[in-house]
């Protein structure tokens, strides 16, 4: 009887050690590899092997790090918030500290996964740092908060000195200097984020002669992010910037420097054809925005004569 109870206790103990399958909210939906579900299946396979051999030492995988360190695509790493600036009524630029003068180790345009916990529910979302790839001692992200968003509630609770957990890097687009004649960047809202470090890597490199045409789609002039940065970039000989404002209609209400390079309404097929045709070299397009925006722009690019291997959708 005692031996049977001991077996039951052992079985129960093993069941308690079984990895818990992630909730759908824990997947950011960005196609990261490894995904949170990939990690679960790895842990489950480790647990099954350990259980079969009755060797609990096989259960030990990489431990979550509790202090700033190098990024890891499998394990969340803690980073401290050093500054948090509100750019618009619902968008923040958040700076995270890195130890010493270390660098984050991302290629321009790659993204990270943020983990948050709200009402005991774990959630994960993808964000692309907007800081230069070679920034030392810090990295910055652009985060838009939504009224009913769970991650938004978590982000809006942040203050300087708070800790947030990230893993990465992820992303399949790797920019190489002079790889393309011209980049046509089409971004909606915070879809501007992956364009920023790629653009800056081009203008920081005197040997990179890539032309860049950047089109930012926003609701109003006031909602345009990073105006100063974009104005500075547009001064380079190989950079042009345009804006499309969906809730504005009068150029007279804009500063004079924006009037000639701002369109009103939505970025549609006719305007994309015009942009492609006025590129100085055959463009390679980068597209980032909502799922609907990305799908529509991809269709428009094909209608404008680009092929599927002539654009990348973030």
Protein backbone atom coordinates (compact mmCIF):
# COMPACT_ATOMS: atom_id res chain seq x y z
CA UNK A 1 0.00 0.00 0.00
CA UNK A 2 2.78 2.40 0.97
CA UNK A 3 4.70 1.57 -2.23
CA UNK A 4 1.60 2.26 -4.39
CA UNK A 5 1.07 5.62 -2.65
CA UNK A 6 4.73 6.47 -3.30
CA UNK A 7 4.24 5.66 -7.01
CA UNK A 8 1.16 7.88 -7.11
CA UNK A 9 3.07 10.71 -5.46
CA UNK A 10 5.84 10.33 -8.03
CA UNK A 11 3.36 10.34 -10.90
CA UNK A 12 1.65 13.41 -9.48
CA UNK A 13 5.00 15.11 -9.05
CA UNK A 14 5.87 14.48 -12.71
CA UNK A 15 2.49 15.84 -13.82
CA UNK A 16 3.12 18.99 -11.82
CA UNK A 17 6.41 19.45 -13.69
CA UNK A 18 4.75 19.09 -17.11
CA UNK A 19 5.13 22.29 -19.21
CA UNK A 20 1.95 24.31 -19.57
CA UNK A 21 0.78 24.96 -23.10
CA UNK A 22 0.79 28.69 -23.93
CA UNK A 23 -2.42 30.63 -24.37
CA UNK A 24 -3.14 32.22 -27.77
CA UNK A 25 -2.50 35.64 -26.16
CA UNK A 26 1.11 34.60 -25.55
CA UNK A 27 1.82 34.42 -29.29
CA UNK A 28 2.60 37.77 -30.90
CA UNK A 29 1.53 36.48 -34.33
CA UNK A 30 4.65 37.78 -36.08
CA UNK A 31 5.98 34.44 -37.26
CA UNK A 32 8.99 34.50 -34.94
CA UNK A 33 11.29 31.50 -34.78
CA UNK A 34 11.33 30.13 -32.19
CA UNK A 35 7.72 30.98 -31.42
CA UNK A 36 6.41 30.62 -27.87
CA UNK A 37 4.70 27.42 -29.06
CA UNK A 38 8.02 26.12 -30.48
CA UNK A 39 9.58 26.64 -27.05
CA UNK A 40 6.65 24.83 -25.42
CA UNK A 41 7.08 21.79 -27.66
CA UNK A 42 10.83 21.76 -26.93
CA UNK A 43 10.14 21.85 -23.19
CA UNK A 44 7.46 19.17 -23.55
CA UNK A 45 9.87 16.87 -25.41
CA UNK A 46 12.47 17.42 -22.68
CA UNK A 47 9.87 16.64 -20.00
CA UNK A 48 8.74 13.45 -21.77
CA UNK A 49 12.35 12.24 -22.11
CA UNK A 50 13.06 13.02 -18.44
CA UNK A 51 9.88 11.28 -17.31
CA UNK A 52 10.66 8.16 -19.37
CA UNK A 53 14.13 7.89 -17.86
CA UNK A 54 13.07 9.20 -14.42
CA UNK A 55 15.91 11.71 -14.56
CA UNK A 56 14.78 15.16 -13.42
CA UNK A 57 18.15 16.68 -14.22
CA UNK A 58 17.09 16.57 -17.90
CA UNK A 59 14.38 19.13 -17.17
CA UNK A 60 16.78 22.00 -16.65
CA UNK A 61 16.77 24.32 -19.63
CA UNK A 62 18.01 27.92 -19.94
CA UNK A 63 16.92 30.04 -16.98
CA UNK A 64 15.27 33.40 -17.37
CA UNK A 65 17.79 36.18 -16.78
CA UNK A 66 16.95 38.77 -14.16
CA UNK A 67 19.53 41.41 -15.03
CA UNK A 68 20.48 43.22 -18.24
CA UNK A 69 22.46 40.95 -20.52
CA UNK A 70 22.69 39.91 -24.14
CA UNK A 71 19.54 39.17 -26.07
CA UNK A 72 18.36 35.61 -26.40
CA UNK A 73 15.68 34.45 -28.87
CA UNK A 74 14.55 31.69 -26.49
CA UNK A 75 14.74 33.34 -23.08
CA UNK A 76 13.28 36.62 -21.89
CA UNK A 77 15.89 39.05 -20.63
CA UNK A 78 15.23 41.94 -18.23
CA UNK A 79 15.98 45.52 -19.27
CA UNK A 80 15.50 48.67 -17.21
CA UNK A 81 13.50 51.64 -18.53
CA UNK A 82 15.63 54.77 -18.38
CA UNK A 83 13.23 57.23 -20.04
CA UNK A 84 9.69 57.33 -21.37
CA UNK A 85 8.52 60.17 -23.63
CA UNK A 86 4.99 60.69 -24.92
CA UNK A 87 5.20 61.64 -28.60
CA UNK A 88 1.46 61.88 -29.23
CA UNK A 89 -1.61 61.32 -27.08
CA UNK A 90 -1.32 57.54 -27.52
CA UNK A 91 2.28 56.85 -28.57
CA UNK A 92 5.44 56.60 -26.49
CA UNK A 93 9.14 56.46 -27.20
CA UNK A 94 10.68 54.28 -24.50
CA UNK A 95 14.40 54.04 -23.84
CA UNK A 96 15.93 50.96 -22.21
CA UNK A 97 19.37 50.91 -20.63
CA UNK A 98 22.13 48.55 -21.72
CA UNK A 99 25.10 47.82 -19.48
CA UNK A 100 28.10 50.08 -20.07
CA UNK A 101 28.56 50.99 -23.72
CA UNK A 102 27.28 47.66 -25.00
CA UNK A 103 25.08 47.34 -28.09
CA UNK A 104 21.79 45.49 -28.45
CA UNK A 105 23.03 43.35 -31.35
CA UNK A 106 20.17 43.76 -33.84
CA UNK A 107 20.41 44.19 -37.57
CA UNK A 108 18.49 47.27 -38.84
CA UNK A 109 14.80 46.37 -39.11
CA UNK A 110 14.83 43.32 -36.84
CA UNK A 111 12.29 43.15 -34.02
CA UNK A 112 11.96 41.96 -30.42
CA UNK A 113 9.18 40.28 -28.44
CA UNK A 114 7.90 42.04 -25.31
CA UNK A 115 6.28 40.03 -22.51
CA UNK A 116 3.62 41.62 -20.34
CA UNK A 117 1.27 40.39 -17.61
CA UNK A 118 -2.16 41.97 -17.13
CA UNK A 119 -4.81 40.51 -14.82
CA UNK A 120 -2.65 37.37 -14.44
CA UNK A 121 -2.74 36.90 -18.23
CA UNK A 122 0.59 36.70 -20.05
CA UNK A 123 0.70 38.49 -23.40
CA UNK A 124 3.43 38.96 -25.98
CA UNK A 125 3.79 41.51 -28.76
CA UNK A 126 6.43 42.34 -31.37
CA UNK A 127 8.13 45.75 -31.52
CA UNK A 128 10.97 47.06 -33.67
CA UNK A 129 13.61 49.27 -32.01
CA UNK A 130 13.95 52.68 -33.66
CA UNK A 131 17.40 53.40 -32.24
CA UNK A 132 20.45 53.07 -34.51
CA UNK A 133 21.77 49.52 -34.76
CA UNK A 134 25.11 50.73 -33.38
CA UNK A 135 23.61 52.70 -30.46
CA UNK A 136 25.70 52.18 -27.32
CA UNK A 137 24.29 51.86 -23.82
CA UNK A 138 20.62 51.98 -24.80
CA UNK A 139 17.89 51.02 -27.26
CA UNK A 140 14.53 52.68 -27.98
CA UNK A 141 11.15 51.42 -29.11
CA UNK A 142 8.05 53.17 -30.42
CA UNK A 143 4.85 51.86 -28.82
CA UNK A 144 1.31 52.91 -29.65
CA UNK A 145 -1.30 52.30 -26.97
CA UNK A 146 -4.89 51.38 -27.74
CA UNK A 147 -7.86 52.09 -25.48
CA UNK A 148 -8.86 48.43 -25.07
CA UNK A 149 -5.41 46.87 -25.56
CA UNK A 150 -4.05 44.58 -22.86
CA UNK A 151 -0.43 45.31 -23.72
CA UNK A 152 -1.32 48.99 -23.79
CA UNK A 153 -2.47 48.80 -20.16
CA UNK A 154 0.83 47.18 -19.28
CA UNK A 155 2.91 49.77 -21.14
CA UNK A 156 1.00 52.70 -19.66
CA UNK A 157 1.88 51.41 -16.19
CA UNK A 158 5.60 51.83 -16.92
CA UNK A 159 7.75 54.45 -15.26
CA UNK A 160 11.47 55.16 -15.41
CA UNK A 161 13.26 52.50 -13.38
CA UNK A 162 10.72 49.78 -14.18
CA UNK A 163 11.82 46.46 -15.65
CA UNK A 164 10.50 44.91 -18.87
CA UNK A 165 11.33 41.55 -20.41
CA UNK A 166 12.35 41.09 -24.05
CA UNK A 167 13.57 38.24 -26.23
CA UNK A 168 14.98 38.23 -29.74
CA UNK A 169 16.16 39.24 -32.22
CA UNK A 170 13.76 38.16 -34.96
CA UNK A 171 13.22 39.17 -38.57
CA UNK A 172 14.02 37.91 -42.04
CA UNK A 173 15.04 41.16 -43.72
CA UNK A 174 18.76 41.91 -43.57
CA UNK A 175 19.86 45.12 -45.25
CA UNK A 176 23.27 45.27 -46.92
CA UNK A 177 24.76 48.58 -48.11
CA UNK A 178 24.27 49.22 -51.84
CA UNK A 179 22.21 46.04 -52.16
CA UNK A 180 19.41 47.92 -53.93
CA UNK A 181 19.37 50.90 -56.25
CA UNK A 182 16.55 52.52 -54.33
CA UNK A 183 14.42 51.61 -51.33
CA UNK A 184 10.79 52.63 -51.43
CA UNK A 185 9.65 52.65 -47.80
CA UNK A 186 5.88 52.59 -47.31
CA UNK A 187 4.87 52.85 -43.65
CA UNK A 188 1.61 53.45 -41.79
CA UNK A 189 1.69 54.74 -38.21
CA UNK A 190 4.12 52.83 -36.02
CA UNK A 191 5.00 50.83 -39.15
CA UNK A 192 7.58 53.59 -39.45
CA UNK A 193 9.65 51.83 -36.77
CA UNK A 194 11.60 49.29 -38.88
CA UNK A 195 12.30 51.96 -41.52
CA UNK A 196 14.07 54.25 -39.05
CA UNK A 197 17.20 52.17 -38.28
CA UNK A 198 17.50 51.04 -41.92
CA UNK A 199 17.32 54.63 -43.13
CA UNK A 200 19.81 55.81 -40.52
CA UNK A 201 22.24 53.02 -41.38
CA UNK A 202 22.22 54.29 -44.98
CA UNK A 203 22.76 57.96 -44.17
CA UNK A 204 25.43 57.12 -41.55
CA UNK A 205 27.44 55.22 -44.17
CA UNK A 206 29.23 57.53 -46.62
CA UNK A 207 29.88 54.59 -48.93
CA UNK A 208 26.20 53.62 -49.19
CA UNK A 209 24.73 55.32 -52.26
CA UNK A 210 21.26 53.81 -51.99
CA UNK A 211 18.43 56.22 -52.80
CA UNK A 212 15.54 56.22 -50.34
CA UNK A 213 11.97 57.35 -50.89
CA UNK A 214 10.09 57.16 -47.60
CA UNK A 215 6.30 57.55 -47.47
CA UNK A 216 4.69 57.87 -44.04
CA UNK A 217 0.91 57.45 -43.72
CA UNK A 218 -0.75 59.14 -40.74
CA UNK A 219 -4.16 60.49 -39.78
CA UNK A 220 -3.14 64.10 -39.15
CA UNK A 221 -0.05 66.28 -39.26
CA UNK A 222 0.11 66.26 -35.46
CA UNK A 223 0.18 62.46 -35.42
CA UNK A 224 3.36 62.21 -37.53
CA UNK A 225 6.05 60.56 -35.44
CA UNK A 226 9.70 61.63 -35.26
CA UNK A 227 9.27 64.82 -37.31
CA UNK A 228 12.69 66.20 -36.41
CA UNK A 229 14.44 62.96 -37.32
CA UNK A 230 12.63 62.73 -40.66
CA UNK A 231 13.41 66.37 -41.49
CA UNK A 232 17.09 65.77 -40.77
CA UNK A 233 17.13 62.66 -42.94
CA UNK A 234 15.44 64.46 -45.84
CA UNK A 235 18.42 66.84 -46.02
CA UNK A 236 20.64 64.02 -47.30
CA UNK A 237 21.18 64.01 -51.06
CA UNK A 238 19.80 60.49 -51.46
CA UNK A 239 16.66 60.74 -49.26
CA UNK A 240 13.15 61.99 -50.06
CA UNK A 241 10.22 61.94 -47.66
CA UNK A 242 6.51 62.17 -48.42
CA UNK A 243 3.44 62.02 -46.20
CA UNK A 244 -0.12 60.86 -46.72
CA UNK A 245 -2.68 62.25 -44.27
CA UNK A 246 -6.08 60.57 -44.15
CA UNK A 247 -7.91 63.10 -41.96
CA UNK A 248 -6.53 66.34 -43.38
CA UNK A 249 -7.55 68.06 -46.61
CA UNK A 250 -6.00 71.53 -46.67
CA UNK A 251 -2.32 72.11 -47.47
CA UNK A 252 -2.65 75.69 -46.20
CA UNK A 253 -2.91 74.32 -42.65
CA UNK A 254 0.50 72.67 -42.91
CA UNK A 255 3.96 74.23 -42.42
CA UNK A 256 5.27 75.38 -45.80
CA UNK A 257 8.05 72.74 -45.78
CA UNK A 258 5.40 69.99 -45.76
CA UNK A 259 2.95 71.42 -48.28
CA UNK A 260 4.58 70.15 -51.47
CA UNK A 261 5.39 66.68 -50.13
CA UNK A 262 2.06 65.87 -48.48
CA UNK A 263 -0.85 64.03 -50.11
CA UNK A 264 -4.34 63.75 -48.65
CA UNK A 265 -6.59 60.73 -48.38
CA UNK A 266 -5.15 57.23 -48.49
CA UNK A 267 -2.16 55.59 -50.11
CA UNK A 268 -3.77 53.87 -53.06
CA UNK A 269 -2.91 52.34 -56.42
CA UNK A 270 -2.59 55.58 -58.39
CA UNK A 271 -0.26 57.23 -55.90
CA UNK A 272 1.87 54.10 -55.59
CA UNK A 273 2.23 53.93 -59.39
CA UNK A 274 3.32 57.57 -59.33
CA UNK A 275 5.83 56.92 -56.54
CA UNK A 276 7.31 53.87 -58.28
CA UNK A 277 7.61 55.71 -61.58
CA UNK A 278 9.37 58.70 -60.03
CA UNK A 279 11.97 56.59 -58.23
CA UNK A 280 15.42 57.39 -59.53
CA UNK A 281 16.35 53.72 -59.80
CA UNK A 282 14.33 50.49 -59.85
CA UNK A 283 13.01 50.33 -56.29
CA UNK A 284 12.85 47.55 -53.76
CA UNK A 285 9.86 48.25 -51.52
CA UNK A 286 9.63 47.82 -47.76
CA UNK A 287 6.10 47.80 -46.33
CA UNK A 288 4.98 47.96 -42.70
CA UNK A 289 1.65 48.79 -41.10
CA UNK A 290 -1.55 47.02 -40.16
CA UNK A 291 -2.34 43.66 -41.75
CA UNK A 292 -4.94 45.33 -43.98
CA UNK A 293 -2.54 48.10 -45.01
CA UNK A 294 0.21 45.61 -45.83
CA UNK A 295 -2.11 43.43 -47.91
CA UNK A 296 -3.48 46.40 -49.87
CA UNK A 297 -0.05 47.88 -50.55
CA UNK A 298 1.33 44.54 -51.75
CA UNK A 299 -1.50 44.35 -54.29
CA UNK A 300 -0.84 47.92 -55.42
CA UNK A 301 2.88 47.26 -55.85
CA UNK A 302 2.13 44.30 -58.12
CA UNK A 303 -0.21 46.50 -60.16
CA UNK A 304 2.57 49.10 -60.37
CA UNK A 305 4.85 46.57 -62.06
CA UNK A 306 6.89 45.24 -59.16
CA UNK A 307 7.31 41.51 -58.71
CA UNK A 308 6.91 39.54 -55.49
CA UNK A 309 10.68 39.39 -55.07
CA UNK A 310 10.85 43.20 -55.31
CA UNK A 311 9.25 43.95 -51.97
CA UNK A 312 9.35 42.83 -48.33
CA UNK A 313 6.40 42.93 -45.94
CA UNK A 314 7.27 43.39 -42.28
